[in-house]
Every structure is written in structure tokens, then in C-alpha cells.
Amino acid sequence: MARNQKLTRLILGRTITGTSTVDPVLTVQFSDGSQMTVQTDGTALTIADGGTVSAVRQADTTLQLVFEDGSTLDIATAEETSCVMVRDRNHVMEYSD
């Protein structure tokens, strides 16, 4: 799976403080007040709070978050592109794919 360089640089070091799902949208809140939304394929996910992002990988319809402790989280996206948005704590768009 290839590393998503742009998204990795953007959320590297951010720690997850909470998540919510309103099918099919997964929202991940980070400790700096920013949030990432992902259009998923509707598959239910359980995400443990407290994971700190060290990398993001992406292939086809899979977005993978890699955490500092070595664990990973695979998120099945609705499509190969146009599924991920990141907004800063002021809700200003930082990333859209």
C-alpha cells in the first residue's frame, strides 16, 4: 500500500480524541481541534481514542492509518478518491481528496 505523502505530512503526530459515525460518514476528532471526515462504504468501525498518527497509506478503496505504537486501522472508503477531508480547529479546509 502506497504512502499518502500529503495526508501523512498534514496529520502526522495528531492524536485521536474521539470518533463518530453517521453512515456512511466517519468523523475523527484530533486533540488539536481538527477533524477528518471519511466517506466510508458503510462498514462499522471501532476506533480507540488516543492513537497518534505516524503515517497514512492508501490503495484503491482502503485508507490505512498507522499509529506510533505500530498498530493500524483500515478504513474502507466509498470510492478511490473524493472521500477524505481534513479541517482545522476553525473548520478551514486543510485537505480534500
PDB file of N, CA and C in Angstrom:
ATOM      1  N   MET A   1       0.849  -1.163   0.000  1.00  0.00           N
ATOM      2  CA  MET A   1       0.000   0.000   0.000  1.00  0.00           C
ATOM      3  C   MET A   1       0.906   1.240   0.000  1.00  0.00           C
ATOM      4  N   ALA A   2       0.615   2.181  -0.866  1.00  0.00           N
ATOM      5  CA  ALA A   2       1.452   3.373  -1.020  1.00  0.00           C
ATOM      6  C   ALA A   2       1.140   4.402   0.069  1.00  0.00           C
ATOM      7  N   ARG A   3       2.164   5.096   0.480  1.00  0.00           N
ATOM      8  CA  ARG A   3       2.009   6.150   1.475  1.00  0.00           C
ATOM      9  C   ARG A   3       1.367   7.377   0.831  1.00  0.00           C
ATOM     10  N   ASN A   4       0.373   7.941   1.485  1.00  0.00           N
ATOM     11  CA  ASN A   4      -0.235   9.191   1.038  1.00  0.00           C
ATOM     12  C   ASN A   4       0.593  10.301   1.686  1.00  0.00           C
ATOM     13  N   GLN A   5       1.557  10.806   0.933  1.00  0.00           N
ATOM     14  CA  GLN A   5       2.528  11.759   1.475  1.00  0.00           C
ATOM     15  C   GLN A   5       1.868  13.038   1.980  1.00  0.00           C
ATOM     16  N   LYS A   6       0.958  13.597   1.204  1.00  0.00           N
ATOM     17  CA  LYS A   6       0.336  14.868   1.576  1.00  0.00           C
ATOM     18  C   LYS A   6      -0.482  14.729   2.859  1.00  0.00           C
ATOM     19  N   LEU A   7      -1.305  13.696   2.952  1.00  0.00           N
ATOM     20  CA  LEU A   7      -2.120  13.496   4.138  1.00  0.00           C
ATOM     21  C   LEU A   7      -1.255  13.117   5.338  1.00  0.00           C
ATOM     22  N   THR A   8      -0.211  12.324   5.114  1.00  0.00           N
ATOM     23  CA  THR A   8       0.701  11.970   6.204  1.00  0.00           C
ATOM     24  C   THR A   8       1.339  13.217   6.791  1.00  0.00           C
ATOM     25  N   ARG A   9       1.884  14.088   5.929  1.00  0.00           N
ATOM     26  CA  ARG A   9       2.514  15.318   6.435  1.00  0.00           C
ATOM     27  C   ARG A   9       1.524  16.169   7.222  1.00  0.00           C
ATOM     28  N   LEU A  10       0.280  16.168   6.791  1.00  0.00           N
ATOM     29  CA  LEU A  10      -0.724  17.009   7.421  1.00  0.00           C
ATOM     30  C   LEU A  10      -1.141  16.513   8.801  1.00  0.00           C
ATOM     31  N   ILE A  11      -1.397  15.212   8.959  1.00  0.00           N
ATOM     32  CA  ILE A  11      -1.917  14.727  10.245  1.00  0.00           C
ATOM     33  C   ILE A  11      -0.877  13.981  11.088  1.00  0.00           C
ATOM     34  N   LEU A  12       0.357  13.961  10.652  1.00  0.00           N
ATOM     35  CA  LEU A  12       1.440  13.332  11.419  1.00  0.00           C
ATOM     36  C   LEU A  12       1.492  13.914  12.830  1.00  0.00           C
ATOM     37  N   GLY A  13       1.482  13.055  13.817  1.00  0.00           N
ATOM     38  CA  GLY A  13       1.583  13.484  15.206  1.00  0.00           C
ATOM     39  C   GLY A  13       0.265  13.874  15.849  1.00  0.00           C
ATOM     40  N   ARG A  14      -0.821  13.911  15.089  1.00  0.00           N
ATOM     41  CA  ARG A  14      -2.119  14.237  15.680  1.00  0.00           C
ATOM     42  C   ARG A  14      -2.664  13.015  16.410  1.00  0.00           C
ATOM     43  N   THR A  15      -3.266  13.265  17.559  1.00  0.00           N
ATOM     44  CA  THR A  15      -3.801  12.197  18.396  1.00  0.00           C
ATOM     45  C   THR A  15      -5.323  12.202  18.331  1.00  0.00           C
ATOM     46  N   ILE A  16      -5.893  11.022  18.135  1.00  0.00           N
ATOM     47  CA  ILE A  16      -7.350  10.876  18.058  1.00  0.00           C
ATOM     48  C   ILE A  16      -7.951  11.020  19.456  1.00  0.00           C
ATOM     49  N   THR A  17      -8.955  11.893  19.559  1.00  0.00           N
ATOM     50  CA  THR A  17      -9.643  12.077  20.845  1.00  0.00           C
ATOM     51  C   THR A  17     -11.079  11.583  20.807  1.00  0.00           C
ATOM     52  N   GLY A  18     -11.584  11.289  19.626  1.00  0.00           N
ATOM     53  CA  GLY A  18     -12.947  10.792  19.523  1.00  0.00           C
ATOM     54  C   GLY A  18     -13.331  10.531  18.083  1.00  0.00           C
ATOM     55  N   THR A  19     -14.373   9.751  17.918  1.00  0.00           N
ATOM     56  CA  THR A  19     -14.895   9.452  16.586  1.00  0.00           C
ATOM     57  C   THR A  19     -16.415   9.400  16.660  1.00  0.00           C
ATOM     58  N   SER A  20     -17.027   9.602  15.517  1.00  0.00           N
ATOM     59  CA  SER A  20     -18.471   9.422  15.406  1.00  0.00           C
ATOM     60  C   SER A  20     -18.784   8.944  14.003  1.00  0.00           C
ATOM     61  N   THR A  21     -19.866   8.220  13.883  1.00  0.00           N
ATOM     62  CA  THR A  21     -20.274   7.710  12.587  1.00  0.00           C
ATOM     63  C   THR A  21     -21.745   8.011  12.362  1.00  0.00           C
ATOM     64  N   VAL A  22     -22.004   8.651  11.253  1.00  0.00           N
ATOM     65  CA  VAL A  22     -23.364   8.812  10.756  1.00  0.00           C
ATOM     66  C   VAL A  22     -23.284   8.248   9.349  1.00  0.00           C
ATOM     67  N   ASP A  23     -23.703   6.984   9.227  1.00  0.00           N
ATOM     68  CA  ASP A  23     -23.497   6.247   7.982  1.00  0.00           C
ATOM     69  C   ASP A  23     -23.834   7.078   6.770  1.00  0.00           C
ATOM     70  N   PRO A  24     -22.965   7.086   5.807  1.00  0.00           N
ATOM     71  CA  PRO A  24     -21.683   6.398   5.713  1.00  0.00           C
ATOM     72  C   PRO A  24     -20.475   7.281   6.053  1.00  0.00           C
ATOM     73  N   VAL A  25     -20.648   8.321   6.865  1.00  0.00           N
ATOM     74  CA  VAL A  25     -19.557   9.250   7.142  1.00  0.00           C
ATOM     75  C   VAL A  25     -18.937   8.994   8.511  1.00  0.00           C
ATOM     76  N   LEU A  26     -17.627   8.777   8.520  1.00  0.00           N
ATOM     77  CA  LEU A  26     -16.853   8.627   9.746  1.00  0.00           C
ATOM     78  C   LEU A  26     -16.163   9.958  10.015  1.00  0.00           C
ATOM     79  N   THR A  27     -16.311  10.495  11.219  1.00  0.00           N
ATOM     80  CA  THR A  27     -15.629  11.716  11.610  1.00  0.00           C
ATOM     81  C   THR A  27     -14.650  11.382  12.726  1.00  0.00           C
ATOM     82  N   VAL A  28     -13.397  11.791  12.530  1.00  0.00           N
ATOM     83  CA  VAL A  28     -12.340  11.561  13.511  1.00  0.00           C
ATOM     84  C   VAL A  28     -11.924  12.916  14.063  1.00  0.00           C
ATOM     85  N   GLN A  29     -12.006  13.076  15.392  1.00  0.00           N
ATOM     86  CA  GLN A  29     -11.581  14.312  16.031  1.00  0.00           C
ATOM     87  C   GLN A  29     -10.167  14.128  16.574  1.00  0.00           C
ATOM     88  N   PHE A  30      -9.356  15.180  16.401  1.00  0.00           N
ATOM     89  CA  PHE A  30      -7.975  15.150  16.885  1.00  0.00           C
ATOM     90  C   PHE A  30      -7.807  16.116  18.053  1.00  0.00           C
ATOM     91  N   SER A  31      -6.768  15.899  18.844  1.00  0.00           N
ATOM     92  CA  SER A  31      -6.537  16.690  20.058  1.00  0.00           C
ATOM     93  C   SER A  31      -6.291  18.167  19.788  1.00  0.00           C
ATOM     94  N   ASP A  32      -5.881  18.538  18.575  1.00  0.00           N
ATOM     95  CA  ASP A  32      -5.651  19.953  18.258  1.00  0.00           C
ATOM     96  C   ASP A  32      -6.933  20.660  17.808  1.00  0.00           C
ATOM     97  N   GLY A  33      -8.062  19.949  17.868  1.00  0.00           N
ATOM     98  CA  GLY A  33      -9.346  20.523  17.484  1.00  0.00           C
ATOM     99  C   GLY A  33      -9.710  20.321  16.030  1.00  0.00           C
ATOM    100  N   SER A  34      -8.804  19.754  15.252  1.00  0.00           N
ATOM    101  CA  SER A  34      -9.098  19.483  13.843  1.00  0.00           C
ATOM    102  C   SER A  34      -9.917  18.211  13.732  1.00  0.00           C
ATOM    103  N   GLN A  35     -10.465  17.984  12.543  1.00  0.00           N
ATOM    104  CA  GLN A  35     -11.215  16.753  12.318  1.00  0.00           C
ATOM    105  C   GLN A  35     -11.058  16.280  10.881  1.00  0.00           C
ATOM    106  N   MET A  36     -11.146  14.973  10.718  1.00  0.00           N
ATOM    107  CA  MET A  36     -11.078  14.342   9.405  1.00  0.00           C
ATOM    108  C   MET A  36     -12.395  13.617   9.187  1.00  0.00           C
ATOM    109  N   THR A  37     -12.997  13.827   8.018  1.00  0.00           N
ATOM    110  CA  THR A  37     -14.199  13.083   7.669  1.00  0.00           C
ATOM    111  C   THR A  37     -13.882  12.169   6.499  1.00  0.00           C
ATOM    112  N   VAL A  38     -14.436  10.971   6.562  1.00  0.00           N
ATOM    113  CA  VAL A  38     -14.193   9.960   5.528  1.00  0.00           C
ATOM    114  C   VAL A  38     -15.533   9.394   5.087  1.00  0.00           C
ATOM    115  N   GLN A  39     -15.787   9.442   3.776  1.00  0.00           N
ATOM    116  CA  GLN A  39     -16.954   8.773   3.211  1.00  0.00           C
ATOM    117  C   GLN A  39     -16.606   7.288   3.137  1.00  0.00           C
ATOM    118  N   THR A  40     -17.248   6.482   3.962  1.00  0.00           N
ATOM    119  CA  THR A  40     -16.927   5.060   4.015  1.00  0.00           C
ATOM    120  C   THR A  40     -17.892   4.247   3.160  1.00  0.00           C
ATOM    121  N   ASP A  41     -17.614   2.967   3.097  1.00  0.00           N
ATOM    122  CA  ASP A  41     -18.522   2.067   2.382  1.00  0.00           C
ATOM    123  C   ASP A  41     -19.656   1.594   3.279  1.00  0.00           C
ATOM    124  N   GLY A  42     -19.743   2.156   4.488  1.00  0.00           N
ATOM    125  CA  GLY A  42     -20.795   1.792   5.429  1.00  0.00           C
ATOM    126  C   GLY A  42     -20.393   0.730   6.431  1.00  0.00           C
ATOM    127  N   THR A  43     -19.190   0.191   6.302  1.00  0.00           N
ATOM    128  CA  THR A  43     -18.711  -0.821   7.234  1.00  0.00           C
ATOM    129  C   THR A  43     -18.501  -0.197   8.610  1.00  0.00           C
ATOM    130  N   ALA A  44     -18.998  -0.849   9.641  1.00  0.00           N
ATOM    131  CA  ALA A  44     -18.849  -0.340  11.007  1.00  0.00           C
ATOM    132  C   ALA A  44     -17.397  -0.407  11.442  1.00  0.00           C
ATOM    133  N   LEU A  45     -16.949   0.628  12.173  1.00  0.00           N
ATOM    134  CA  LEU A  45     -15.580   0.694  12.657  1.00  0.00           C
ATOM    135  C   LEU A  45     -15.564   0.984  14.143  1.00  0.00           C
ATOM    136  N   THR A  46     -14.572   0.417  14.805  1.00  0.00           N
ATOM    137  CA  THR A  46     -14.309   0.769  16.192  1.00  0.00           C
ATOM    138  C   THR A  46     -12.915   1.341  16.244  1.00  0.00           C
ATOM    139  N   ILE A  47     -12.809   2.599  16.684  1.00  0.00           N
ATOM    140  CA  ILE A  47     -11.519   3.259  16.739  1.00  0.00           C
ATOM    141  C   ILE A  47     -11.232   3.619  18.184  1.00  0.00           C
ATOM    142  N   ALA A  48     -10.088   3.173  18.672  1.00  0.00           N
ATOM    143  CA  ALA A  48      -9.702   3.504  20.036  1.00  0.00           C
ATOM    144  C   ALA A  48      -9.157   4.921  20.087  1.00  0.00           C
ATOM    145  N   ASP A  49      -9.645   5.697  21.031  1.00  0.00           N
ATOM    146  CA  ASP A  49      -9.113   7.040  21.220  1.00  0.00           C
ATOM    147  C   ASP A  49      -7.676   6.947  21.708  1.00  0.00           C
ATOM    148  N   GLY A  50      -6.919   7.989  21.458  1.00  0.00           N
ATOM    149  CA  GLY A  50      -5.563   8.062  21.973  1.00  0.00           C
ATOM    150  C   GLY A  50      -4.487   7.667  21.001  1.00  0.00           C
ATOM    151  N   GLY A  51      -4.830   7.103  19.849  1.00  0.00           N
ATOM    152  CA  GLY A  51      -3.827   6.726  18.860  1.00  0.00           C
ATOM    153  C   GLY A  51      -3.226   7.971  18.212  1.00  0.00           C
ATOM    154  N   THR A  52      -1.896   8.006  18.108  1.00  0.00           N
ATOM    155  CA  THR A  52      -1.203   9.121  17.472  1.00  0.00           C
ATOM    156  C   THR A  52      -0.734   8.684  16.090  1.00  0.00           C
ATOM    157  N   VAL A  53      -1.105   9.437  15.074  1.00  0.00           N
ATOM    158  CA  VAL A  53      -0.837   9.075  13.677  1.00  0.00           C
ATOM    159  C   VAL A  53       0.645   9.238  13.343  1.00  0.00           C
ATOM    160  N   SER A  54       1.215   8.190  12.728  1.00  0.00           N
ATOM    161  CA  SER A  54       2.606   8.270  12.261  1.00  0.00           C
ATOM    162  C   SER A  54       2.687   8.192  10.743  1.00  0.00           C
ATOM    163  N   ALA A  55       1.636   7.706  10.082  1.00  0.00           N
ATOM    164  CA  ALA A  55       1.631   7.634   8.614  1.00  0.00           C
ATOM    165  C   ALA A  55       0.219   7.334   8.130  1.00  0.00           C
ATOM    166  N   VAL A  56      -0.008   7.645   6.862  1.00  0.00           N
ATOM    167  CA  VAL A  56      -1.263   7.300   6.202  1.00  0.00           C
ATOM    168  C   VAL A  56      -0.910   6.608   4.901  1.00  0.00           C
ATOM    169  N   ARG A  57      -1.542   5.476   4.657  1.00  0.00           N
ATOM    170  CA  ARG A  57      -1.344   4.742   3.408  1.00  0.00           C
ATOM    171  C   ARG A  57      -2.695   4.635   2.715  1.00  0.00           C
ATOM    172  N   GLN A  58      -2.634   4.518   1.386  1.00  0.00           N
ATOM    173  CA  GLN A  58      -3.881   4.447   0.630  1.00  0.00           C
ATOM    174  C   GLN A  58      -3.681   3.610  -0.620  1.00  0.00           C
ATOM    175  N   ALA A  59      -4.652   2.751  -0.888  1.00  0.00           N
ATOM    176  CA  ALA A  59      -4.677   1.952  -2.111  1.00  0.00           C
ATOM    177  C   ALA A  59      -6.120   1.629  -2.435  1.00  0.00           C
ATOM    178  N   ASP A  60      -6.480   1.886  -3.671  1.00  0.00           N
ATOM    179  CA  ASP A  60      -7.850   1.626  -4.117  1.00  0.00           C
ATOM    180  C   ASP A  60      -8.852   2.245  -3.141  1.00  0.00           C
ATOM    181  N   THR A  61      -9.692   1.430  -2.528  1.00  0.00           N
ATOM    182  CA  THR A  61     -10.702   1.950  -1.610  1.00  0.00           C
ATOM    183  C   THR A  61     -10.349   1.682  -0.144  1.00  0.00           C
ATOM    184  N   THR A  62      -9.067   1.594   0.155  1.00  0.00           N
ATOM    185  CA  THR A  62      -8.628   1.402   1.535  1.00  0.00           C
ATOM    186  C   THR A  62      -7.734   2.554   1.959  1.00  0.00           C
ATOM    187  N   LEU A  63      -8.105   3.184   3.057  1.00  0.00           N
ATOM    188  CA  LEU A  63      -7.306   4.220   3.694  1.00  0.00           C
ATOM    189  C   LEU A  63      -6.805   3.614   4.995  1.00  0.00           C
ATOM    190  N   GLN A  64      -5.503   3.607   5.201  1.00  0.00           N
ATOM    191  CA  GLN A  64      -4.934   2.985   6.389  1.00  0.00           C
ATOM    192  C   GLN A  64      -4.220   4.029   7.233  1.00  0.00           C
ATOM    193  N   LEU A  65      -4.633   4.150   8.485  1.00  0.00           N
ATOM    194  CA  LEU A  65      -3.934   4.997   9.444  1.00  0.00           C
ATOM    195  C   LEU A  65      -2.950   4.122  10.189  1.00  0.00           C
ATOM    196  N   VAL A  66      -1.703   4.571  10.274  1.00  0.00           N
ATOM    197  CA  VAL A  66      -0.662   3.862  11.006  1.00  0.00           C
ATOM    198  C   VAL A  66      -0.363   4.702  12.241  1.00  0.00           C
ATOM    199  N   PHE A  67      -0.332   4.047  13.400  1.00  0.00           N
ATOM    200  CA  PHE A  67      -0.124   4.752  14.656  1.00  0.00           C
ATOM    201  C   PHE A  67       1.285   4.533  15.189  1.00  0.00           C
ATOM    202  N   GLU A  68       1.705   5.431  16.083  1.00  0.00           N
ATOM    203  CA  GLU A  68       3.058   5.378  16.627  1.00  0.00           C
ATOM    204  C   GLU A  68       3.382   4.052  17.302  1.00  0.00           C
ATOM    205  N   ASP A  69       2.374   3.377  17.860  1.00  0.00           N
ATOM    206  CA  ASP A  69       2.620   2.105  18.536  1.00  0.00           C
ATOM    207  C   ASP A  69       2.710   0.930  17.560  1.00  0.00           C
ATOM    208  N   GLY A  70       2.602   1.216  16.248  1.00  0.00           N
ATOM    209  CA  GLY A  70       2.707   0.175  15.233  1.00  0.00           C
ATOM    210  C   GLY A  70       1.372  -0.406  14.797  1.00  0.00           C
ATOM    211  N   SER A  71       0.321  -0.105  15.520  1.00  0.00           N
ATOM    212  CA  SER A  71      -0.995  -0.613  15.122  1.00  0.00           C
ATOM    213  C   SER A  71      -1.506   0.158  13.906  1.00  0.00           C
ATOM    214  N   THR A  72      -2.469  -0.430  13.225  1.00  0.00           N
ATOM    215  CA  THR A  72      -3.038   0.190  12.030  1.00  0.00           C
ATOM    216  C   THR A  72      -4.555   0.120  12.091  1.00  0.00           C
ATOM    217  N   LEU A  73      -5.170   0.990  11.320  1.00  0.00           N
ATOM    218  CA  LEU A  73      -6.618   0.979  11.175  1.00  0.00           C
ATOM    219  C   LEU A  73      -6.933   1.095   9.700  1.00  0.00           C
ATOM    220  N   ASP A  74      -7.606   0.097   9.149  1.00  0.00           N
ATOM    221  CA  ASP A  74      -8.028   0.122   7.753  1.00  0.00           C
ATOM    222  C   ASP A  74      -9.455   0.637   7.665  1.00  0.00           C
ATOM    223  N   ILE A  75      -9.648   1.667   6.837  1.00  0.00           N
ATOM    224  CA  ILE A  75     -10.969   2.241   6.623  1.00  0.00           C
ATOM    225  C   ILE A  75     -11.342   2.008   5.166  1.00  0.00           C
ATOM    226  N   ALA A  76     -12.460   1.329   4.945  1.00  0.00           N
ATOM    227  CA  ALA A  76     -12.944   1.086   3.583  1.00  0.00           C
ATOM    228  C   ALA A  76     -13.699   2.327   3.119  1.00  0.00           C
ATOM    229  N   THR A  77     -13.167   2.986   2.097  1.00  0.00           N
ATOM    230  CA  THR A  77     -13.793   4.206   1.594  1.00  0.00           C
ATOM    231  C   THR A  77     -14.839   3.893   0.533  1.00  0.00           C
ATOM    232  N   ALA A  78     -15.734   4.845   0.315  1.00  0.00           N
ATOM    233  CA  ALA A  78     -16.809   4.654  -0.650  1.00  0.00           C
ATOM    234  C   ALA A  78     -16.281   4.581  -2.076  1.00  0.00           C
ATOM    235  N   GLU A  79     -15.242   5.371  -2.361  1.00  0.00           N
ATOM    236  CA  GLU A  79     -14.632   5.397  -3.690  1.00  0.00           C
ATOM    237  C   GLU A  79     -13.129   5.536  -3.531  1.00  0.00           C
ATOM    238  N   GLU A  80     -12.400   5.463  -4.644  1.00  0.00           N
ATOM    239  CA  GLU A  80     -10.946   5.582  -4.584  1.00  0.00           C
ATOM    240  C   GLU A  80     -10.495   7.012  -4.300  1.00  0.00           C
ATOM    241  N   THR A  81     -11.285   7.996  -4.698  1.00  0.00           N
ATOM    242  CA  THR A  81     -10.944   9.393  -4.456  1.00  0.00           C
ATOM    243  C   THR A  81     -12.167  10.144  -3.951  1.00  0.00           C
ATOM    244  N   SER A  82     -11.980  11.380  -3.591  1.00  0.00           N
ATOM    245  CA  SER A  82     -13.060  12.255  -3.115  1.00  0.00           C
ATOM    246  C   SER A  82     -13.759  11.720  -1.881  1.00  0.00           C
ATOM    247  N   CYS A  83     -13.000  11.120  -0.986  1.00  0.00           N
ATOM    248  CA  CYS A  83     -13.606  10.521   0.197  1.00  0.00           C
ATOM    249  C   CYS A  83     -13.091  11.084   1.517  1.00  0.00           C
ATOM    250  N   VAL A  84     -12.005  11.871   1.493  1.00  0.00           N
ATOM    251  CA  VAL A  84     -11.371  12.321   2.734  1.00  0.00           C
ATOM    252  C   VAL A  84     -11.271  13.844   2.754  1.00  0.00           C
ATOM    253  N   MET A  85     -11.663  14.431   3.888  1.00  0.00           N
ATOM    254  CA  MET A  85     -11.491  15.866   4.096  1.00  0.00           C
ATOM    255  C   MET A  85     -10.934  16.090   5.499  1.00  0.00           C
ATOM    256  N   VAL A  86     -10.025  17.053   5.611  1.00  0.00           N
ATOM    257  CA  VAL A  86      -9.491  17.436   6.917  1.00  0.00           C
ATOM    258  C   VAL A  86      -9.715  18.934   7.071  1.00  0.00           C
ATOM    259  N   ARG A  87     -10.281  19.315   8.222  1.00  0.00           N
ATOM    260  CA  ARG A  87     -10.499  20.723   8.553  1.00  0.00           C
ATOM    261  C   ARG A  87      -9.785  21.032   9.866  1.00  0.00           C
ATOM    262  N   ASP A  88      -9.201  22.235   9.944  1.00  0.00           N
ATOM    263  CA  ASP A  88      -8.527  22.617  11.170  1.00  0.00           C
ATOM    264  C   ASP A  88      -9.543  22.981  12.242  1.00  0.00           C
ATOM    265  N   ARG A  89      -9.071  23.393  13.409  1.00  0.00           N
ATOM    266  CA  ARG A  89      -9.983  23.660  14.523  1.00  0.00           C
ATOM    267  C   ARG A  89     -10.955  24.803  14.250  1.00  0.00           C
ATOM    268  N   ASN A  90     -10.625  25.648  13.250  1.00  0.00           N
ATOM    269  CA  ASN A  90     -11.515  26.735  12.861  1.00  0.00           C
ATOM    270  C   ASN A  90     -12.407  26.350  11.681  1.00  0.00           C
ATOM    271  N   HIS A  91     -12.404  25.072  11.337  1.00  0.00           N
ATOM    272  CA  HIS A  91     -13.180  24.494  10.237  1.00  0.00           C
ATOM    273  C   HIS A  91     -12.724  24.957   8.857  1.00  0.00           C
ATOM    274  N   VAL A  92     -11.481  25.400   8.764  1.00  0.00           N
ATOM    275  CA  VAL A  92     -10.890  25.774   7.477  1.00  0.00           C
ATOM    276  C   VAL A  92     -10.351  24.507   6.810  1.00  0.00           C
ATOM    277  N   MET A  93     -10.684  24.323   5.542  1.00  0.00           N
ATOM    278  CA  MET A  93     -10.250  23.144   4.807  1.00  0.00           C
ATOM    279  C   MET A  93      -8.738  23.083   4.701  1.00  0.00           C
ATOM    280  N   GLU A  94      -8.153  21.945   5.137  1.00  0.00           N
ATOM    281  CA  GLU A  94      -6.723  21.716   5.025  1.00  0.00           C
ATOM    282  C   GLU A  94      -6.400  20.700   3.930  1.00  0.00           C
ATOM    283  N   TYR A  95      -7.342  19.782   3.688  1.00  0.00           N
ATOM    284  CA  TYR A  95      -7.085  18.693   2.735  1.00  0.00           C
ATOM    285  C   TYR A  95      -8.413  18.181   2.223  1.00  0.00           C
ATOM    286  N   SER A  96      -8.433  17.858   0.947  1.00  0.00           N
ATOM    287  CA  SER A  96      -9.611  17.248   0.343  1.00  0.00           C
ATOM    288  C   SER A  96      -9.154  16.321  -0.769  1.00  0.00           C
ATOM    289  N   ASP A  97      -9.627  15.092  -0.733  1.00  0.00           N
ATOM    290  CA  ASP A  97      -9.292  14.110  -1.761  1.00  0.00           C
ATOM    291  C   ASP A  97     -10.525  13.317  -2.092  1.00  0.00           C
TER     292      ASP A  97
END
